[in-house]
PDB file of N, CA and C in Angstrom:
ATOM      1  N   MET A   1      -5.313   3.466   4.801  1.00  0.00           N
ATOM      2  CA  MET A   1      -3.980   2.871   3.935  1.00  0.00           C
ATOM      3  C   MET A   1      -2.671   2.925   5.496  1.00  0.00           C
ATOM      4  N   LYS A   2      -2.010   1.939   5.723  1.00  0.00           N
ATOM      5  CA  LYS A   2      -1.352   1.892   6.599  1.00  0.00           C
ATOM      6  C   LYS A   2       0.422   1.746   5.865  1.00  0.00           C
ATOM      7  N   ILE A   3       1.547   2.518   6.462  1.00  0.00           N
ATOM      8  CA  ILE A   3       2.536   2.200   6.308  1.00  0.00           C
ATOM      9  C   ILE A   3       3.595   1.476   7.320  1.00  0.00           C
ATOM     10  N   ARG A   4       4.397   0.684   6.899  1.00  0.00           N
ATOM     11  CA  ARG A   4       5.103   0.324   7.498  1.00  0.00           C
ATOM     12  C   ARG A   4       6.380   0.543   6.777  1.00  0.00           C
ATOM     13  N   ILE A   5       7.608   1.212   7.426  1.00  0.00           N
ATOM     14  CA  ILE A   5       8.905   1.650   6.998  1.00  0.00           C
ATOM     15  C   ILE A   5       9.980   0.797   8.022  1.00  0.00           C
ATOM     16  N   LYS A   6      10.634   0.085   7.533  1.00  0.00           N
ATOM     17  CA  LYS A   6      12.110  -0.099   8.569  1.00  0.00           C
ATOM     18  C   LYS A   6      13.041  -0.300   7.373  1.00  0.00           C
ATOM     19  N   GLY A   7      14.375   0.206   7.768  1.00  0.00           N
ATOM     20  CA  GLY A   7      15.287   0.381   6.837  1.00  0.00           C
ATOM     21  C   GLY A   7      15.038   0.669   5.392  1.00  0.00           C
ATOM     22  N   ASP A   8      15.220   0.219   4.563  1.00  0.00           N
ATOM     23  CA  ASP A   8      15.062   0.708   2.861  1.00  0.00           C
ATOM     24  C   ASP A   8      13.791  -0.601   2.604  1.00  0.00           C
ATOM     25  N   SER A   9      13.211  -0.419   3.242  1.00  0.00           N
ATOM     26  CA  SER A   9      11.805  -1.314   2.986  1.00  0.00           C
ATOM     27  C   SER A   9      10.230  -0.180   3.388  1.00  0.00           C
ATOM     28  N   ILE A  10       9.585  -0.540   2.341  1.00  0.00           N
ATOM     29  CA  ILE A  10       8.446   0.283   2.508  1.00  0.00           C
ATOM     30  C   ILE A  10       7.229  -0.899   2.195  1.00  0.00           C
ATOM     31  N   ARG A  11       6.100  -1.043   3.412  1.00  0.00           N
ATOM     32  CA  ARG A  11       5.234  -1.646   3.181  1.00  0.00           C
ATOM     33  C   ARG A  11       3.733  -0.829   3.172  1.00  0.00           C
ATOM     34  N   LEU A  12       2.471  -1.042   2.341  1.00  0.00           N
ATOM     35  CA  LEU A  12       1.452  -0.084   2.445  1.00  0.00           C
ATOM     36  C   LEU A  12       0.309  -1.016   2.744  1.00  0.00           C
ATOM     37  N   ARG A  13      -0.220  -1.269   3.105  1.00  0.00           N
ATOM     38  CA  ARG A  13      -1.629  -2.246   3.176  1.00  0.00           C
ATOM     39  C   ARG A  13      -3.094  -1.337   2.806  1.00  0.00           C
ATOM     40  N   LEU A  14      -3.808  -1.884   2.302  1.00  0.00           N
ATOM     41  CA  LEU A  14      -5.358  -1.249   1.897  1.00  0.00           C
ATOM     42  C   LEU A  14      -6.443  -1.777   2.447  1.00  0.00           C
ATOM     43  N   THR A  15      -7.253  -1.216   2.250  1.00  0.00           N
ATOM     44  CA  THR A  15      -8.397  -1.378   2.987  1.00  0.00           C
ATOM     45  C   THR A  15      -9.648  -2.016   1.545  1.00  0.00           C
ATOM     46  N   LYS A  16     -10.300  -2.118   1.997  1.00  0.00           N
ATOM     47  CA  LYS A  16     -11.067  -2.819   0.744  1.00  0.00           C
ATOM     48  C   LYS A  16     -11.938  -1.292  -0.119  1.00  0.00           C
ATOM     49  N   SER A  17     -12.136  -0.021   0.634  1.00  0.00           N
ATOM     50  CA  SER A  17     -12.699   0.808   0.078  1.00  0.00           C
ATOM     51  C   SER A  17     -11.182   1.456  -0.824  1.00  0.00           C
ATOM     52  N   GLU A  18      -9.827   1.445  -0.159  1.00  0.00           N
ATOM     53  CA  GLU A  18      -8.649   2.024  -0.880  1.00  0.00           C
ATOM     54  C   GLU A  18      -8.624   1.162  -1.928  1.00  0.00           C
ATOM     55  N   VAL A  19      -8.619   0.036  -1.996  1.00  0.00           N
ATOM     56  CA  VAL A  19      -8.469  -0.642  -2.968  1.00  0.00           C
ATOM     57  C   VAL A  19      -9.154  -0.021  -4.378  1.00  0.00           C
ATOM     58  N   ASP A  20     -10.279   0.036  -3.826  1.00  0.00           N
ATOM     59  CA  ASP A  20     -11.210   0.373  -5.027  1.00  0.00           C
ATOM     60  C   ASP A  20     -11.019   1.888  -5.383  1.00  0.00           C
ATOM     61  N   ALA A  21     -10.993   2.616  -4.490  1.00  0.00           N
ATOM     62  CA  ALA A  21     -10.222   4.103  -4.848  1.00  0.00           C
ATOM     63  C   ALA A  21      -9.295   4.203  -5.834  1.00  0.00           C
ATOM     64  N   LEU A  22      -8.318   3.368  -5.169  1.00  0.00           N
ATOM     65  CA  LEU A  22      -6.765   3.473  -6.442  1.00  0.00           C
ATOM     66  C   LEU A  22      -7.475   2.895  -8.120  1.00  0.00           C
ATOM     67  N   ALA A  23      -8.502   1.825  -7.706  1.00  0.00           N
ATOM     68  CA  ALA A  23      -8.547   1.663  -9.111  1.00  0.00           C
ATOM     69  C   ALA A  23      -9.393   2.933  -9.794  1.00  0.00           C
ATOM     70  N   SER A  24     -10.437   3.317  -9.037  1.00  0.00           N
ATOM     71  CA  SER A  24     -11.412   4.171  -9.710  1.00  0.00           C
ATOM     72  C   SER A  24     -11.009   5.570  -9.933  1.00  0.00           C
ATOM     73  N   VAL A  25     -10.129   6.299  -8.853  1.00  0.00           N
ATOM     74  CA  VAL A  25      -9.828   7.368  -8.775  1.00  0.00           C
ATOM     75  C   VAL A  25      -8.385   7.780  -9.298  1.00  0.00           C
ATOM     76  N   GLY A  26      -7.487   6.251  -8.682  1.00  0.00           N
ATOM     77  CA  GLY A  26      -6.041   6.779  -9.251  1.00  0.00           C
ATOM     78  C   GLY A  26      -5.148   7.506  -8.481  1.00  0.00           C
ATOM     79  N   ASN A  27      -5.652   7.237  -7.095  1.00  0.00           N
ATOM     80  CA  ASN A  27      -4.604   7.083  -6.256  1.00  0.00           C
ATOM     81  C   ASN A  27      -5.177   6.873  -4.622  1.00  0.00           C
ATOM     82  N   VAL A  28      -4.627   6.782  -3.414  1.00  0.00           N
ATOM     83  CA  VAL A  28      -4.980   6.594  -2.069  1.00  0.00           C
ATOM     84  C   VAL A  28      -4.029   7.543  -1.344  1.00  0.00           C
ATOM     85  N   GLU A  29      -4.139   8.513  -0.586  1.00  0.00           N
ATOM     86  CA  GLU A  29      -3.399   9.462   0.269  1.00  0.00           C
ATOM     87  C   GLU A  29      -3.645   9.808   1.853  1.00  0.00           C
ATOM     88  N   GLU A  30      -2.771   9.232   2.629  1.00  0.00           N
ATOM     89  CA  GLU A  30      -2.862   9.392   4.183  1.00  0.00           C
ATOM     90  C   GLU A  30      -2.187  10.662   4.550  1.00  0.00           C
ATOM     91  N   HIS A  31      -1.802  11.139   5.387  1.00  0.00           N
ATOM     92  CA  HIS A  31      -0.954  12.090   6.424  1.00  0.00           C
ATOM     93  C   HIS A  31      -0.818  11.815   7.993  1.00  0.00           C
ATOM     94  N   THR A  32       0.222  12.295   8.629  1.00  0.00           N
ATOM     95  CA  THR A  32       0.479  12.250   9.582  1.00  0.00           C
ATOM     96  C   THR A  32       1.318  13.569  10.030  1.00  0.00           C
ATOM     97  N   HIS A  33       0.146  14.155  11.183  1.00  0.00           N
ATOM     98  CA  HIS A  33       1.053  15.229  11.340  1.00  0.00           C
ATOM     99  C   HIS A  33       1.411  14.848  12.971  1.00  0.00           C
ATOM    100  N   LEU A  34       2.833  16.028  12.668  1.00  0.00           N
ATOM    101  CA  LEU A  34       3.728  15.374  13.569  1.00  0.00           C
ATOM    102  C   LEU A  34       4.218  17.095  13.946  1.00  0.00           C
ATOM    103  N   PRO A  35       4.744  17.439  15.282  1.00  0.00           N
ATOM    104  CA  PRO A  35       5.198  18.515  15.413  1.00  0.00           C
ATOM    105  C   PRO A  35       6.281  19.360  13.755  1.00  0.00           C
ATOM    106  N   GLY A  36       5.997  20.224  13.720  1.00  0.00           N
ATOM    107  CA  GLY A  36       7.504  20.963  12.913  1.00  0.00           C
ATOM    108  C   GLY A  36       6.884  20.096  11.497  1.00  0.00           C
ATOM    109  N   GLY A  37       5.625  19.214  11.315  1.00  0.00           N
ATOM    110  CA  GLY A  37       5.615  19.142   9.922  1.00  0.00           C
ATOM    111  C   GLY A  37       4.163  18.457   9.507  1.00  0.00           C
ATOM    112  N   THR A  38       4.065  17.657   8.280  1.00  0.00           N
ATOM    113  CA  THR A  38       3.034  16.534   7.976  1.00  0.00           C
ATOM    114  C   THR A  38       4.125  15.244   7.367  1.00  0.00           C
ATOM    115  N   LEU A  39       3.751  14.379   7.372  1.00  0.00           N
ATOM    116  CA  LEU A  39       4.153  13.531   6.581  1.00  0.00           C
ATOM    117  C   LEU A  39       3.473  13.086   5.843  1.00  0.00           C
ATOM    118  N   SER A  40       3.184  12.398   5.015  1.00  0.00           N
ATOM    119  CA  SER A  40       2.444  12.449   3.816  1.00  0.00           C
ATOM    120  C   SER A  40       2.712  11.145   2.871  1.00  0.00           C
ATOM    121  N   TYR A  41       1.904  10.153   2.781  1.00  0.00           N
ATOM    122  CA  TYR A  41       2.114   9.348   1.576  1.00  0.00           C
ATOM    123  C   TYR A  41       1.355   8.722   1.133  1.00  0.00           C
ATOM    124  N   VAL A  42       1.352   8.415  -0.234  1.00  0.00           N
ATOM    125  CA  VAL A  42       0.197   8.322  -1.512  1.00  0.00           C
ATOM    126  C   VAL A  42       0.869   7.083  -2.081  1.00  0.00           C
ATOM    127  N   LEU A  43      -0.123   6.218  -2.532  1.00  0.00           N
ATOM    128  CA  LEU A  43      -0.214   5.306  -3.951  1.00  0.00           C
ATOM    129  C   LEU A  43      -1.022   5.979  -5.022  1.00  0.00           C
ATOM    130  N   ARG A  44      -0.315   5.757  -5.975  1.00  0.00           N
ATOM    131  CA  ARG A  44      -0.967   6.123  -7.127  1.00  0.00           C
ATOM    132  C   ARG A  44      -0.925   5.277  -8.198  1.00  0.00           C
ATOM    133  N   SER A  45      -2.103   5.292  -9.009  1.00  0.00           N
ATOM    134  CA  SER A  45      -2.052   4.258 -10.526  1.00  0.00           C
ATOM    135  C   SER A  45      -1.280   4.957 -11.385  1.00  0.00           C
ATOM    136  N   ASP A  46      -0.274   4.830 -12.503  1.00  0.00           N
ATOM    137  CA  ASP A  46       0.316   5.316 -13.192  1.00  0.00           C
ATOM    138  C   ASP A  46       0.710   4.715 -14.787  1.00  0.00           C
ATOM    139  N   ASP A  47       0.149   5.233 -15.486  1.00  0.00           N
ATOM    140  CA  ASP A  47      -0.039   4.577 -16.621  1.00  0.00           C
ATOM    141  C   ASP A  47       1.720   4.160 -17.247  1.00  0.00           C
ATOM    142  N   GLY A  48       2.100   4.962 -16.815  1.00  0.00           N
ATOM    143  CA  GLY A  48       3.848   4.544 -17.636  1.00  0.00           C
ATOM    144  C   GLY A  48       4.336   3.981 -16.783  1.00  0.00           C
ATOM    145  N   ALA A  49       4.081   3.184 -15.491  1.00  0.00           N
ATOM    146  CA  ALA A  49       4.582   2.328 -14.448  1.00  0.00           C
ATOM    147  C   ALA A  49       4.716   1.106 -15.245  1.00  0.00           C
ATOM    148  N   GLN A  50       6.063   0.619 -14.986  1.00  0.00           N
ATOM    149  CA  GLN A  50       6.150  -0.926 -15.560  1.00  0.00           C
ATOM    150  C   GLN A  50       6.218  -1.608 -14.363  1.00  0.00           C
ATOM    151  N   ASP A  51       6.824  -0.900 -12.881  1.00  0.00           N
ATOM    152  CA  ASP A  51       6.573  -1.856 -11.830  1.00  0.00           C
ATOM    153  C   ASP A  51       6.178  -1.310 -10.771  1.00  0.00           C
ATOM    154  N   LEU A  52       6.505  -1.580  -9.279  1.00  0.00           N
ATOM    155  CA  LEU A  52       5.871  -0.645  -8.140  1.00  0.00           C
ATOM    156  C   LEU A  52       7.467   0.322  -8.137  1.00  0.00           C
ATOM    157  N   ASN A  53       7.173   1.914  -7.808  1.00  0.00           N
ATOM    158  CA  ASN A  53       8.436   2.681  -8.010  1.00  0.00           C
ATOM    159  C   ASN A  53       7.777   3.276  -6.598  1.00  0.00           C
ATOM    160  N   ALA A  54       9.101   4.051  -6.263  1.00  0.00           N
ATOM    161  CA  ALA A  54       8.931   5.106  -5.001  1.00  0.00           C
ATOM    162  C   ALA A  54       9.733   6.336  -5.098  1.00  0.00           C
ATOM    163  N   PHE A  55       9.310   7.463  -4.293  1.00  0.00           N
ATOM    164  CA  PHE A  55      10.690   8.642  -4.389  1.00  0.00           C
ATOM    165  C   PHE A  55      10.078   9.263  -3.035  1.00  0.00           C
ATOM    166  N   PHE A  56      10.982  10.650  -3.117  1.00  0.00           N
ATOM    167  CA  PHE A  56      10.320  11.454  -1.697  1.00  0.00           C
ATOM    168  C   PHE A  56      10.662  12.987  -1.912  1.00  0.00           C
ATOM    169  N   GLN A  57       9.640  13.634  -1.928  1.00  0.00           N
ATOM    170  CA  GLN A  57       9.133  14.831  -2.413  1.00  0.00           C
ATOM    171  C   GLN A  57       8.401  15.537  -1.660  1.00  0.00           C
ATOM    172  N   ASP A  58       8.733  16.490  -1.259  1.00  0.00           N
ATOM    173  CA  ASP A  58       7.859  17.894  -0.496  1.00  0.00           C
ATOM    174  C   ASP A  58       7.271  16.709   0.763  1.00  0.00           C
ATOM    175  N   SER A  59       8.522  16.121   1.352  1.00  0.00           N
ATOM    176  CA  SER A  59       7.879  15.679   2.941  1.00  0.00           C
ATOM    177  C   SER A  59       6.560  14.574   2.505  1.00  0.00           C
ATOM    178  N   SER A  60       6.641  13.801   1.404  1.00  0.00           N
ATOM    179  CA  SER A  60       5.688  12.954   0.741  1.00  0.00           C
ATOM    180  C   SER A  60       6.248  11.356   0.386  1.00  0.00           C
ATOM    181  N   ILE A  61       5.873  10.216   1.022  1.00  0.00           N
ATOM    182  CA  ILE A  61       6.915   9.258   0.103  1.00  0.00           C
ATOM    183  C   ILE A  61       5.441   9.130  -1.087  1.00  0.00           C
ATOM    184  N   ILE A  62       5.744   8.916  -2.457  1.00  0.00           N
ATOM    185  CA  ILE A  62       5.286   8.736  -3.077  1.00  0.00           C
ATOM    186  C   ILE A  62       5.230   7.341  -4.044  1.00  0.00           C
ATOM    187  N   VAL A  63       4.092   6.192  -3.936  1.00  0.00           N
ATOM    188  CA  VAL A  63       4.543   5.122  -4.374  1.00  0.00           C
ATOM    189  C   VAL A  63       3.781   4.750  -5.682  1.00  0.00           C
ATOM    190  N   SER A  64       4.285   4.386  -6.698  1.00  0.00           N
ATOM    191  CA  SER A  64       3.486   4.386  -8.102  1.00  0.00           C
ATOM    192  C   SER A  64       3.383   2.537  -7.944  1.00  0.00           C
ATOM    193  N   MET A  65       2.627   2.196  -8.709  1.00  0.00           N
ATOM    194  CA  MET A  65       2.633   1.174  -9.566  1.00  0.00           C
ATOM    195  C   MET A  65       1.456   1.257 -10.589  1.00  0.00           C
ATOM    196  N   PRO A  66       1.921   0.576 -11.580  1.00  0.00           N
ATOM    197  CA  PRO A  66       1.006   0.147 -12.817  1.00  0.00           C
ATOM    198  C   PRO A  66      -0.344   0.255 -12.945  1.00  0.00           C
ATOM    199  N   ALA A  67      -0.881   1.122 -13.924  1.00  0.00           N
ATOM    200  CA  ALA A  67      -2.312   1.153 -14.031  1.00  0.00           C
ATOM    201  C   ALA A  67      -3.544  -0.046 -14.305  1.00  0.00           C
ATOM    202  N   LYS A  68      -2.521  -0.987 -14.819  1.00  0.00           N
ATOM    203  CA  LYS A  68      -3.149  -2.199 -15.344  1.00  0.00           C
ATOM    204  C   LYS A  68      -3.437  -2.774 -14.056  1.00  0.00           C
ATOM    205  N   LEU A  69      -2.743  -2.881 -13.168  1.00  0.00           N
ATOM    206  CA  LEU A  69      -2.451  -3.721 -11.823  1.00  0.00           C
ATOM    207  C   LEU A  69      -3.280  -3.131 -11.158  1.00  0.00           C
ATOM    208  N   ALA A  70      -3.098  -1.902 -10.993  1.00  0.00           N
ATOM    209  CA  ALA A  70      -4.306  -1.037 -10.109  1.00  0.00           C
ATOM    210  C   ALA A  70      -6.151  -1.155  -9.965  1.00  0.00           C
ATOM    211  N   THR A  71      -6.317  -1.079 -11.732  1.00  0.00           N
ATOM    212  CA  THR A  71      -7.216  -1.928 -11.779  1.00  0.00           C
ATOM    213  C   THR A  71      -7.879  -2.506 -11.938  1.00  0.00           C
ATOM    214  N   ALA A  72      -7.097  -3.921 -12.083  1.00  0.00           N
ATOM    215  CA  ALA A  72      -7.495  -5.026 -11.666  1.00  0.00           C
ATOM    216  C   ALA A  72      -7.764  -5.600 -10.562  1.00  0.00           C
ATOM    217  N   TRP A  73      -7.067  -5.161  -9.458  1.00  0.00           N
ATOM    218  CA  TRP A  73      -6.885  -5.475  -8.413  1.00  0.00           C
ATOM    219  C   TRP A  73      -8.162  -5.459  -7.383  1.00  0.00           C
ATOM    220  N   PRO A  74      -9.043  -4.854  -7.087  1.00  0.00           N
ATOM    221  CA  PRO A  74     -10.666  -5.020  -6.515  1.00  0.00           C
ATOM    222  C   PRO A  74     -10.932  -6.436  -7.071  1.00  0.00           C
ATOM    223  N   GLY A  75     -11.157  -6.906  -8.200  1.00  0.00           N
ATOM    224  CA  GLY A  75     -11.913  -7.963  -8.689  1.00  0.00           C
ATOM    225  C   GLY A  75     -11.182  -9.243  -8.642  1.00  0.00           C
ATOM    226  N   ASN A  76      -9.688  -9.043  -8.173  1.00  0.00           N
ATOM    227  CA  ASN A  76      -8.999 -10.355  -8.646  1.00  0.00           C
ATOM    228  C   ASN A  76      -8.816 -11.389  -6.994  1.00  0.00           C
ATOM    229  N   ASP A  77      -8.076 -12.168  -6.887  1.00  0.00           N
ATOM    230  CA  ASP A  77      -7.461 -12.427  -5.190  1.00  0.00           C
ATOM    231  C   ASP A  77      -6.269 -12.248  -5.291  1.00  0.00           C
ATOM    232  N   ILE A  78      -5.467 -11.424  -5.801  1.00  0.00           N
ATOM    233  CA  ILE A  78      -4.163 -11.204  -5.247  1.00  0.00           C
ATOM    234  C   ILE A  78      -3.976 -10.490  -4.199  1.00  0.00           C
ATOM    235  N   VAL A  79      -2.758 -10.906  -3.468  1.00  0.00           N
ATOM    236  CA  VAL A  79      -3.075 -10.241  -2.407  1.00  0.00           C
ATOM    237  C   VAL A  79      -2.175  -8.708  -2.118  1.00  0.00           C
ATOM    238  N   GLY A  80      -1.300  -8.916  -2.934  1.00  0.00           N
ATOM    239  CA  GLY A  80      -0.645  -7.608  -3.017  1.00  0.00           C
ATOM    240  C   GLY A  80       0.611  -8.169  -4.175  1.00  0.00           C
ATOM    241  N   TYR A  81       1.440  -6.767  -4.128  1.00  0.00           N
ATOM    242  CA  TYR A  81       2.531  -6.909  -5.347  1.00  0.00           C
ATOM    243  C   TYR A  81       3.914  -6.317  -4.603  1.00  0.00           C
ATOM    244  N   ARG A  82       4.731  -6.828  -5.362  1.00  0.00           N
ATOM    245  CA  ARG A  82       6.049  -6.540  -4.595  1.00  0.00           C
ATOM    246  C   ARG A  82       7.174  -6.396  -5.454  1.00  0.00           C
ATOM    247  N   ASN A  83       8.043  -5.426  -5.159  1.00  0.00           N
ATOM    248  CA  ASN A  83       9.205  -4.745  -6.428  1.00  0.00           C
ATOM    249  C   ASN A  83      10.597  -4.613  -5.642  1.00  0.00           C
ATOM    250  N   THR A  84      11.758  -4.989  -5.458  1.00  0.00           N
ATOM    251  CA  THR A  84      12.850  -4.546  -5.128  1.00  0.00           C
ATOM    252  C   THR A  84      13.633  -3.579  -6.217  1.00  0.00           C
ATOM    253  N   THR A  85      13.849  -2.323  -6.467  1.00  0.00           N
ATOM    254  CA  THR A  85      14.230  -1.724  -7.081  1.00  0.00           C
ATOM    255  C   THR A  85      15.830  -0.741  -6.412  1.00  0.00           C
ATOM    256  N   SER A  86      16.516  -0.962  -7.130  1.00  0.00           N
ATOM    257  CA  SER A  86      17.980  -0.008  -6.882  1.00  0.00           C
ATOM    258  C   SER A  86      17.788   1.016  -7.123  1.00  0.00           C
ATOM    259  N   ILE A  87      18.435   1.820  -5.822  1.00  0.00           N
ATOM    260  CA  ILE A  87      18.379   3.463  -5.900  1.00  0.00           C
ATOM    261  C   ILE A  87      19.410   4.218  -5.660  1.00  0.00           C
ATOM    262  N   GLY A  88      20.651   3.290  -6.303  1.00  0.00           N
ATOM    263  CA  GLY A  88      22.263   3.703  -6.366  1.00  0.00           C
ATOM    264  C   GLY A  88      22.981   2.961  -5.227  1.00  0.00           C
ATOM    265  N   ASP A  89      24.113   3.685  -5.699  1.00  0.00           N
ATOM    266  CA  ASP A  89      25.487   3.577  -4.152  1.00  0.00           C
ATOM    267  C   ASP A  89      25.128   2.081  -3.620  1.00  0.00           C
ATOM    268  N   GLY A  90      24.566   0.953  -4.314  1.00  0.00           N
ATOM    269  CA  GLY A  90      24.266  -0.430  -3.776  1.00  0.00           C
ATOM    270  C   GLY A  90      23.133  -0.326  -2.769  1.00  0.00           C
ATOM    271  N   VAL A  91      22.653   0.368  -3.012  1.00  0.00           N
ATOM    272  CA  VAL A  91      21.195   0.413  -2.205  1.00  0.00           C
ATOM    273  C   VAL A  91      19.789   0.005  -2.836  1.00  0.00           C
ATOM    274  N   ALA A  92      19.178  -0.935  -2.265  1.00  0.00           N
ATOM    275  CA  ALA A  92      18.040  -1.615  -2.792  1.00  0.00           C
ATOM    276  C   ALA A  92      17.405  -1.038  -1.957  1.00  0.00           C
ATOM    277  N   LEU A  93      15.894  -0.691  -2.721  1.00  0.00           N
ATOM    278  CA  LEU A  93      14.756  -0.284  -1.648  1.00  0.00           C
ATOM    279  C   LEU A  93      13.427  -1.678  -2.006  1.00  0.00           C
ATOM    280  N   SER A  94      13.002  -2.249  -1.191  1.00  0.00           N
ATOM    281  CA  SER A  94      11.780  -2.881  -1.078  1.00  0.00           C
ATOM    282  C   SER A  94      10.694  -2.510  -1.251  1.00  0.00           C
ATOM    283  N   LEU A  95      10.079  -2.626  -1.904  1.00  0.00           N
ATOM    284  CA  LEU A  95       8.102  -2.324  -1.852  1.00  0.00           C
ATOM    285  C   LEU A  95       7.003  -2.937  -1.687  1.00  0.00           C
ATOM    286  N   LEU A  96       6.604  -3.455  -1.043  1.00  0.00           N
ATOM    287  CA  LEU A  96       5.461  -4.254  -0.886  1.00  0.00           C
ATOM    288  C   LEU A  96       3.680  -3.383  -0.534  1.00  0.00           C
ATOM    289  N   ILE A  97       2.918  -3.705  -1.592  1.00  0.00           N
ATOM    290  CA  ILE A  97       1.737  -3.136  -1.292  1.00  0.00           C
ATOM    291  C   ILE A  97       1.036  -4.015  -1.460  1.00  0.00           C
ATOM    292  N   GLU A  98      -0.294  -4.401  -0.115  1.00  0.00           N
ATOM    293  CA  GLU A  98      -0.992  -5.226   0.569  1.00  0.00           C
ATOM    294  C   GLU A  98      -2.618  -4.911   0.810  1.00  0.00           C
ATOM    295  N   LYS A  99      -3.037  -6.220   0.187  1.00  0.00           N
ATOM    296  CA  LYS A  99      -4.799  -5.812   0.877  1.00  0.00           C
ATOM    297  C   LYS A  99      -4.480  -6.138   2.383  1.00  0.00           C
ATOM    298  N   ASP A 100      -5.351  -4.751   3.128  1.00  0.00           N
ATOM    299  CA  ASP A 100      -5.438  -5.143   4.667  1.00  0.00           C
ATOM    300  C   ASP A 100      -6.213  -6.450   5.204  1.00  0.00           C
ATOM    301  N   PHE A 101      -5.993  -7.509   5.754  1.00  0.00           N
ATOM    302  CA  PHE A 101      -6.665  -8.437   6.313  1.00  0.00           C
ATOM    303  C   PHE A 101      -7.180  -8.225   7.672  1.00  0.00           C
ATOM    304  N   LYS A 102      -8.387  -8.480   8.120  1.00  0.00           N
ATOM    305  CA  LYS A 102      -8.509  -8.518   9.636  1.00  0.00           C
ATOM    306  C   LYS A 102      -7.654  -9.699  10.363  1.00  0.00           C
ATOM    307  N   CYS A 103      -7.374  -9.112  11.649  1.00  0.00           N
ATOM    308  CA  CYS A 103      -7.200  -9.891  12.446  1.00  0.00           C
ATOM    309  C   CYS A 103      -7.646 -11.274  12.804  1.00  0.00           C
ATOM    310  N   ILE A 104      -6.589 -12.344  13.258  1.00  0.00           N
ATOM    311  CA  ILE A 104      -7.861 -13.578  13.489  1.00  0.00           C
ATOM    312  C   ILE A 104      -7.132 -13.966  14.560  1.00  0.00           C
ATOM    313  N   ASP A 105      -5.966 -13.255  15.271  1.00  0.00           N
ATOM    314  CA  ASP A 105      -5.219 -14.014  16.550  1.00  0.00           C
ATOM    315  C   ASP A 105      -5.591 -13.201  17.439  1.00  0.00           C
ATOM    316  N   ALA A 106      -5.944 -12.116  17.416  1.00  0.00           N
ATOM    317  CA  ALA A 106      -6.343 -11.029  18.267  1.00  0.00           C
ATOM    318  C   ALA A 106      -7.090 -10.260  17.977  1.00  0.00           C
ATOM    319  N   PRO A 107      -7.844  -9.520  19.627  1.00  0.00           N
ATOM    320  CA  PRO A 107      -8.988  -8.890  18.838  1.00  0.00           C
ATOM    321  C   PRO A 107      -8.382  -7.173  18.820  1.00  0.00           C
ATOM    322  N   ALA A 108      -8.744  -6.474  17.920  1.00  0.00           N
ATOM    323  CA  ALA A 108      -8.092  -5.479  17.194  1.00  0.00           C
ATOM    324  C   ALA A 108      -8.795  -4.206  17.630  1.00  0.00           C
ATOM    325  N   GLU A 109      -7.505  -3.348  18.178  1.00  0.00           N
ATOM    326  CA  GLU A 109      -8.604  -2.149  19.005  1.00  0.00           C
ATOM    327  C   GLU A 109      -8.642  -1.223  17.651  1.00  0.00           C
ATOM    328  N   GLU A 110      -8.837  -1.281  16.461  1.00  0.00           N
ATOM    329  CA  GLU A 110      -9.154  -0.344  15.499  1.00  0.00           C
ATOM    330  C   GLU A 110     -10.493  -0.910  14.720  1.00  0.00           C
ATOM    331  N   ASP A 111     -10.993  -0.195  13.926  1.00  0.00           N
ATOM    332  CA  ASP A 111     -12.233  -0.738  13.422  1.00  0.00           C
ATOM    333  C   ASP A 111     -11.450  -1.261  12.112  1.00  0.00           C
ATOM    334  N   GLN A 112     -11.815  -2.640  11.935  1.00  0.00           N
ATOM    335  CA  GLN A 112     -11.650  -3.429  11.104  1.00  0.00           C
ATOM    336  C   GLN A 112     -12.537  -3.790   9.812  1.00  0.00           C
ATOM    337  N   SER A 113     -14.016  -3.249  10.302  1.00  0.00           N
ATOM    338  CA  SER A 113     -14.839  -3.365   9.182  1.00  0.00           C
ATOM    339  C   SER A 113     -14.531  -3.351   7.818  1.00  0.00           C
ATOM    340  N   ASP A 114     -13.368  -2.542   6.901  1.00  0.00           N
ATOM    341  CA  ASP A 114     -13.479  -2.240   5.612  1.00  0.00           C
ATOM    342  C   ASP A 114     -12.578  -3.549   5.455  1.00  0.00           C
ATOM    343  N   ASN A 115     -11.552  -4.312   6.303  1.00  0.00           N
ATOM    344  CA  ASN A 115     -10.840  -5.135   5.550  1.00  0.00           C
ATOM    345  C   ASN A 115     -11.323  -6.400   5.248  1.00  0.00           C
ATOM    346  N   TYR A 116      -9.921  -6.905   4.560  1.00  0.00           N
ATOM    347  CA  TYR A 116     -10.734  -8.521   3.905  1.00  0.00           C
ATOM    348  C   TYR A 116     -10.758  -9.554   4.569  1.00  0.00           C
ATOM    349  N   GLU A 117     -11.568 -10.431   4.396  1.00  0.00           N
ATOM    350  CA  GLU A 117     -11.480 -11.714   5.148  1.00  0.00           C
ATOM    351  C   GLU A 117     -10.215 -12.199   5.429  1.00  0.00           C
ATOM    352  N   HIS A 118      -9.777 -12.651   6.428  1.00  0.00           N
ATOM    353  CA  HIS A 118      -8.196 -13.395   6.248  1.00  0.00           C
ATOM    354  C   HIS A 118      -8.122 -14.279   5.705  1.00  0.00           C
ATOM    355  N   PRO A 119      -7.628 -14.940   4.943  1.00  0.00           N
ATOM    356  CA  PRO A 119      -7.764 -16.236   3.733  1.00  0.00           C
ATOM    357  C   PRO A 119      -7.210 -17.484   4.711  1.00  0.00           C
ATOM    358  N   ASN A 120      -7.105 -17.547   6.122  1.00  0.00           N
ATOM    359  CA  ASN A 120      -6.608 -18.821   6.906  1.00  0.00           C
ATOM    360  C   ASN A 120      -7.604 -19.308   7.873  1.00  0.00           C
ATOM    361  N   ILE A 121      -8.781 -18.357   8.092  1.00  0.00           N
ATOM    362  CA  ILE A 121     -10.023 -18.494   8.522  1.00  0.00           C
ATOM    363  C   ILE A 121     -10.240 -19.847   7.761  1.00  0.00           C
ATOM    364  N   THR A 122     -10.837 -20.841   8.595  1.00  0.00           N
ATOM    365  CA  THR A 122     -11.921 -22.225   7.880  1.00  0.00           C
ATOM    366  C   THR A 122     -12.987 -21.907   8.653  1.00  0.00           C
ATOM    367  N   CYS A 123     -14.022 -22.041   7.794  1.00  0.00           N
ATOM    368  CA  CYS A 123     -15.403 -22.740   8.638  1.00  0.00           C
ATOM    369  C   CYS A 123     -15.476 -24.255   8.806  1.00  0.00           C
ATOM    370  N   SER A 124     -16.122 -24.499   9.648  1.00  0.00           N
ATOM    371  CA  SER A 124     -16.452 -26.106   9.947  1.00  0.00           C
ATOM    372  C   SER A 124     -18.292 -25.790   9.517  1.00  0.00           C
TER     373      SER A 124
END
C-alpha cells in the first residue's frame, strides 16, 4: 500500500493482494521507520462506517471504509472510493482509496507484478 499526503489530503493505493486482504482479513497495514519513531498507516474495513473516515492515533494514520465496499471491491471494476469530511474549524480532509495500476508511460523502478492492468492500455 502506498500513501500520498498533501495538505489535508490522503491517498492510498493498493495492489491486488492488498485489496484481497482488505476484503478477507479486514485490514492492510504499512510501516515507515524514521529516526525517532515509526509512522504506520492502516486501511481497515469497518461494519459501522457509512463512508471513508480517518483519524490519527499513536503515530498511526487509520483510514476506515464501509465493510460492504471493502468486501465487494476485489470483484468489481470500481477503481476507488473518495470522501471529503469536515474535521472542524473549517478544515476538510479529502480521502481517496484506489487500486494501484501498472505504469504505462515510463519503466517503473519498483515491482509492479501485483498491480492492476492500466485501463488506458489498448491492444491491437
